[in-house]
C-alpha cells in the first residue's frame, strides 16, 4: 500500500469516527459541519487528485456514497448513545 492510500484511508477513518461521535453526543450542527468538511475534501481529491471534472457523474456518485457513509456512522453513534443513556437511566443503584 502506498503512502497516499494510507493517508486517504486514515482521513476516512477519522471522518467516520467524527460522524459517529456527533451521533453519540447528539451534536447535529457538528455533524453538518463534519459532513460538509468531508464532502469538500472528497470533492477536492476527486478534482485535483484524480483530475475529474467537477460535474461528472462519478463525482456525484462518490459524494452520494460519502454522504451515505457519514449518515450511517452518525446513526450508529446515535443508536449507541440512545442505548447507553437508556441503560444508565434504568440501572439499579
N, C-alpha and C. Protein backbone atom coordinates (compact mmCIF):
# COMPACT_ATOMS: atom_id res chain seq x y z
N UNK A 1 0.85 -1.17 0.00
CA UNK A 1 0.00 0.00 0.00
C UNK A 1 0.90 1.25 0.00
N UNK A 2 0.60 2.18 -0.88
CA UNK A 2 1.44 3.37 -0.92
C UNK A 2 0.97 4.41 0.11
N UNK A 3 1.77 5.42 0.30
CA UNK A 3 1.52 6.41 1.34
C UNK A 3 0.24 7.20 1.09
N UNK A 4 -0.05 7.52 -0.15
CA UNK A 4 -1.27 8.27 -0.46
C UNK A 4 -2.51 7.51 -0.03
N UNK A 5 -2.54 6.23 -0.31
CA UNK A 5 -3.69 5.41 0.07
C UNK A 5 -3.83 5.30 1.59
N UNK A 6 -2.72 5.18 2.28
CA UNK A 6 -2.75 5.13 3.74
C UNK A 6 -3.30 6.44 4.31
N UNK A 7 -2.88 7.56 3.75
CA UNK A 7 -3.37 8.86 4.21
C UNK A 7 -4.86 9.00 3.95
N UNK A 8 -5.32 8.61 2.77
CA UNK A 8 -6.75 8.72 2.43
C UNK A 8 -7.61 7.83 3.32
N UNK A 9 -7.17 6.62 3.58
CA UNK A 9 -7.93 5.72 4.45
C UNK A 9 -7.94 6.25 5.88
N UNK A 10 -6.82 6.81 6.33
CA UNK A 10 -6.76 7.39 7.67
C UNK A 10 -7.73 8.56 7.81
N UNK A 11 -7.79 9.41 6.79
CA UNK A 11 -8.73 10.54 6.81
C UNK A 11 -10.16 10.03 6.84
N UNK A 12 -10.46 8.99 6.07
CA UNK A 12 -11.80 8.41 6.07
C UNK A 12 -12.17 7.86 7.45
N UNK A 13 -11.23 7.19 8.09
CA UNK A 13 -11.50 6.62 9.42
C UNK A 13 -11.76 7.74 10.43
N UNK A 14 -10.95 8.78 10.41
CA UNK A 14 -11.15 9.90 11.33
C UNK A 14 -12.49 10.57 11.06
N UNK A 15 -12.84 10.72 9.79
CA UNK A 15 -14.11 11.35 9.42
C UNK A 15 -15.30 10.52 9.89
N UNK A 16 -15.19 9.20 9.75
CA UNK A 16 -16.27 8.32 10.20
C UNK A 16 -16.39 8.36 11.73
N UNK A 17 -15.27 8.36 12.43
CA UNK A 17 -15.30 8.46 13.89
C UNK A 17 -15.91 9.78 14.35
N UNK A 18 -15.58 10.86 13.65
CA UNK A 18 -16.16 12.16 14.00
C UNK A 18 -17.67 12.16 13.76
N UNK A 19 -18.11 11.55 12.68
CA UNK A 19 -19.55 11.46 12.41
C UNK A 19 -20.24 10.61 13.47
N UNK A 20 -19.64 9.50 13.84
CA UNK A 20 -20.20 8.65 14.89
C UNK A 20 -20.25 9.34 16.24
N UNK A 21 -19.21 10.10 16.57
CA UNK A 21 -19.20 10.82 17.83
C UNK A 21 -20.30 11.88 17.86
N UNK A 22 -20.52 12.55 16.73
CA UNK A 22 -21.60 13.54 16.66
C UNK A 22 -22.95 12.87 16.92
N UNK A 23 -23.15 11.67 16.41
CA UNK A 23 -24.38 10.95 16.68
C UNK A 23 -24.48 10.52 18.13
N UNK A 24 -23.37 10.05 18.68
CA UNK A 24 -23.35 9.61 20.08
C UNK A 24 -23.68 10.75 21.03
N UNK A 25 -23.13 11.92 20.75
CA UNK A 25 -23.33 13.08 21.62
C UNK A 25 -24.52 13.94 21.20
N UNK A 26 -25.24 13.53 20.19
CA UNK A 26 -26.39 14.28 19.65
C UNK A 26 -26.01 15.70 19.26
N UNK A 27 -24.92 15.82 18.54
CA UNK A 27 -24.43 17.11 18.05
C UNK A 27 -24.79 17.22 16.57
N UNK A 28 -25.99 17.70 16.30
CA UNK A 28 -26.48 17.75 14.93
C UNK A 28 -25.77 18.82 14.10
N UNK A 29 -25.52 19.96 14.70
CA UNK A 29 -24.79 21.01 14.00
C UNK A 29 -23.35 20.59 13.71
N UNK A 30 -22.75 19.89 14.66
CA UNK A 30 -21.40 19.37 14.45
C UNK A 30 -21.36 18.36 13.33
N UNK A 31 -22.41 17.55 13.24
CA UNK A 31 -22.46 16.57 12.16
C UNK A 31 -22.54 17.25 10.81
N UNK A 32 -23.34 18.30 10.71
CA UNK A 32 -23.43 19.03 9.44
C UNK A 32 -22.07 19.60 9.07
N UNK A 33 -21.35 20.14 10.05
CA UNK A 33 -20.02 20.68 9.80
C UNK A 33 -19.05 19.58 9.36
N UNK A 34 -19.08 18.44 10.05
CA UNK A 34 -18.22 17.31 9.69
C UNK A 34 -18.58 16.80 8.29
N UNK A 35 -19.86 16.70 8.00
CA UNK A 35 -20.31 16.23 6.69
C UNK A 35 -19.84 17.17 5.58
N UNK A 36 -20.04 18.47 5.75
CA UNK A 36 -19.65 19.42 4.71
C UNK A 36 -18.13 19.46 4.53
N UNK A 37 -17.39 19.35 5.62
CA UNK A 37 -15.93 19.31 5.53
C UNK A 37 -15.47 18.07 4.77
N UNK A 38 -16.04 16.93 5.09
CA UNK A 38 -15.68 15.70 4.40
C UNK A 38 -16.05 15.72 2.93
N UNK A 39 -17.21 16.27 2.61
CA UNK A 39 -17.61 16.36 1.21
C UNK A 39 -16.70 17.31 0.43
N UNK A 40 -16.28 18.40 1.08
CA UNK A 40 -15.36 19.33 0.42
C UNK A 40 -14.01 18.67 0.17
N UNK A 41 -13.51 17.93 1.15
CA UNK A 41 -12.24 17.22 0.96
C UNK A 41 -12.35 16.15 -0.12
N UNK A 42 -13.46 15.43 -0.14
CA UNK A 42 -13.68 14.41 -1.14
C UNK A 42 -13.76 15.03 -2.54
N UNK A 43 -14.47 16.14 -2.63
CA UNK A 43 -14.60 16.83 -3.91
C UNK A 43 -13.23 17.32 -4.39
N UNK A 44 -12.45 17.91 -3.47
CA UNK A 44 -11.11 18.40 -3.83
C UNK A 44 -10.22 17.26 -4.30
N UNK A 45 -10.28 16.12 -3.63
CA UNK A 45 -9.47 14.98 -4.05
C UNK A 45 -9.88 14.50 -5.43
N UNK A 46 -11.17 14.42 -5.68
CA UNK A 46 -11.65 13.96 -6.98
C UNK A 46 -11.22 14.92 -8.10
N UNK A 47 -11.29 16.22 -7.84
CA UNK A 47 -10.98 17.22 -8.87
C UNK A 47 -9.48 17.34 -9.08
N UNK A 48 -8.74 17.62 -8.01
CA UNK A 48 -7.32 17.90 -8.16
C UNK A 48 -6.46 16.65 -8.07
N UNK A 49 -6.84 15.70 -7.28
CA UNK A 49 -6.03 14.49 -7.14
C UNK A 49 -6.21 13.50 -8.27
N UNK A 50 -7.46 13.37 -8.73
CA UNK A 50 -7.75 12.38 -9.77
C UNK A 50 -8.01 13.00 -11.13
N UNK A 51 -8.14 14.32 -11.18
CA UNK A 51 -8.34 15.00 -12.46
C UNK A 51 -9.74 14.89 -13.03
N UNK A 52 -10.72 14.66 -12.19
CA UNK A 52 -12.10 14.56 -12.67
C UNK A 52 -12.67 15.95 -12.91
N UNK A 53 -13.67 16.01 -13.75
CA UNK A 53 -14.36 17.28 -13.98
C UNK A 53 -15.38 17.47 -12.84
N UNK A 54 -15.64 18.72 -12.43
CA UNK A 54 -16.48 18.95 -11.25
C UNK A 54 -17.89 18.38 -11.33
N UNK A 55 -18.47 18.29 -12.51
CA UNK A 55 -19.87 17.87 -12.61
C UNK A 55 -20.03 16.55 -13.35
N UNK A 56 -19.03 15.69 -13.25
CA UNK A 56 -19.15 14.36 -13.84
C UNK A 56 -19.98 13.46 -12.93
N UNK A 57 -20.58 12.46 -13.54
CA UNK A 57 -21.41 11.52 -12.79
C UNK A 57 -20.62 10.79 -11.69
N UNK A 58 -19.38 10.33 -11.95
CA UNK A 58 -18.64 9.65 -10.87
C UNK A 58 -18.38 10.54 -9.65
N UNK A 59 -18.22 11.84 -9.88
CA UNK A 59 -18.01 12.75 -8.75
C UNK A 59 -19.28 12.81 -7.91
N UNK A 60 -20.43 12.90 -8.55
CA UNK A 60 -21.69 12.92 -7.81
C UNK A 60 -21.94 11.60 -7.09
N UNK A 61 -21.59 10.50 -7.73
CA UNK A 61 -21.77 9.20 -7.09
C UNK A 61 -20.85 9.06 -5.87
N UNK A 62 -19.62 9.55 -5.99
CA UNK A 62 -18.69 9.50 -4.85
C UNK A 62 -19.20 10.37 -3.71
N UNK A 63 -19.77 11.52 -4.03
CA UNK A 63 -20.33 12.39 -2.99
C UNK A 63 -21.54 11.73 -2.32
N UNK A 64 -22.36 11.07 -3.12
CA UNK A 64 -23.52 10.37 -2.55
C UNK A 64 -23.07 9.23 -1.64
N UNK A 65 -22.03 8.50 -2.06
CA UNK A 65 -21.51 7.42 -1.23
C UNK A 65 -20.92 7.96 0.08
N UNK A 66 -20.18 9.05 -0.01
CA UNK A 66 -19.60 9.66 1.19
C UNK A 66 -20.69 10.14 2.14
N UNK A 67 -21.75 10.72 1.58
CA UNK A 67 -22.88 11.15 2.40
C UNK A 67 -23.52 9.95 3.09
N UNK A 68 -23.68 8.86 2.36
CA UNK A 68 -24.24 7.64 2.94
C UNK A 68 -23.38 7.09 4.06
N UNK A 69 -22.06 7.09 3.86
CA UNK A 69 -21.15 6.62 4.91
C UNK A 69 -21.30 7.48 6.17
N UNK A 70 -21.33 8.78 5.98
CA UNK A 70 -21.41 9.69 7.13
C UNK A 70 -22.74 9.53 7.87
N UNK A 71 -23.82 9.43 7.12
CA UNK A 71 -25.14 9.28 7.76
C UNK A 71 -25.21 7.96 8.52
N UNK A 72 -24.68 6.89 7.94
CA UNK A 72 -24.67 5.59 8.64
C UNK A 72 -23.84 5.66 9.92
N UNK A 73 -22.66 6.28 9.86
CA UNK A 73 -21.83 6.42 11.06
C UNK A 73 -22.54 7.26 12.11
N UNK A 74 -23.21 8.33 11.67
CA UNK A 74 -23.97 9.17 12.60
C UNK A 74 -25.07 8.37 13.27
N UNK A 75 -25.81 7.59 12.49
CA UNK A 75 -26.92 6.81 13.04
C UNK A 75 -26.44 5.71 13.98
N UNK A 76 -25.33 5.07 13.66
CA UNK A 76 -24.77 4.06 14.56
C UNK A 76 -24.39 4.71 15.89
N UNK A 77 -23.75 5.88 15.82
CA UNK A 77 -23.41 6.60 17.05
C UNK A 77 -24.65 7.04 17.81
N UNK A 78 -25.68 7.47 17.09
CA UNK A 78 -26.93 7.90 17.73
C UNK A 78 -27.60 6.74 18.46
N UNK A 79 -27.65 5.57 17.80
CA UNK A 79 -28.26 4.39 18.43
C UNK A 79 -27.44 3.96 19.64
N UNK A 80 -26.12 3.97 19.52
CA UNK A 80 -25.27 3.59 20.65
C UNK A 80 -25.46 4.56 21.82
N UNK A 81 -25.56 5.83 21.53
CA UNK A 81 -25.80 6.81 22.59
C UNK A 81 -27.16 6.64 23.22
N UNK A 82 -28.15 6.36 22.41
CA UNK A 82 -29.50 6.17 22.94
C UNK A 82 -29.56 4.94 23.85
N UNK A 83 -28.93 3.84 23.41
CA UNK A 83 -28.89 2.63 24.24
C UNK A 83 -28.13 2.88 25.54
N UNK A 84 -27.01 3.56 25.44
CA UNK A 84 -26.21 3.85 26.63
C UNK A 84 -26.99 4.69 27.63
N UNK A 85 -27.65 5.73 27.13
CA UNK A 85 -28.44 6.59 28.03
C UNK A 85 -29.62 5.83 28.63
N UNK A 86 -30.25 4.95 27.85
CA UNK A 86 -31.38 4.17 28.38
C UNK A 86 -30.91 3.18 29.44
N UNK A 87 -29.78 2.54 29.21
CA UNK A 87 -29.26 1.59 30.20
C UNK A 87 -28.83 2.30 31.48
N UNK A 88 -28.23 3.47 31.35
CA UNK A 88 -27.83 4.22 32.54
C UNK A 88 -29.04 4.71 33.32
N UNK A 89 -30.10 5.06 32.63
CA UNK A 89 -31.31 5.54 33.31
C UNK A 89 -32.01 4.42 34.07
N UNK A 90 -31.89 3.19 33.60
CA UNK A 90 -32.57 2.05 34.22
C UNK A 90 -31.66 1.22 35.12
N UNK A 91 -30.46 1.70 35.37
CA UNK A 91 -29.51 0.95 36.19
C UNK A 91 -29.94 0.95 37.65
N UNK A 92 -29.76 -0.18 38.28
CA UNK A 92 -30.05 -0.28 39.71
C UNK A 92 -28.88 0.29 40.50
N UNK A 93 -29.20 1.00 41.56
CA UNK A 93 -28.14 1.59 42.39
C UNK A 93 -27.71 0.70 43.50
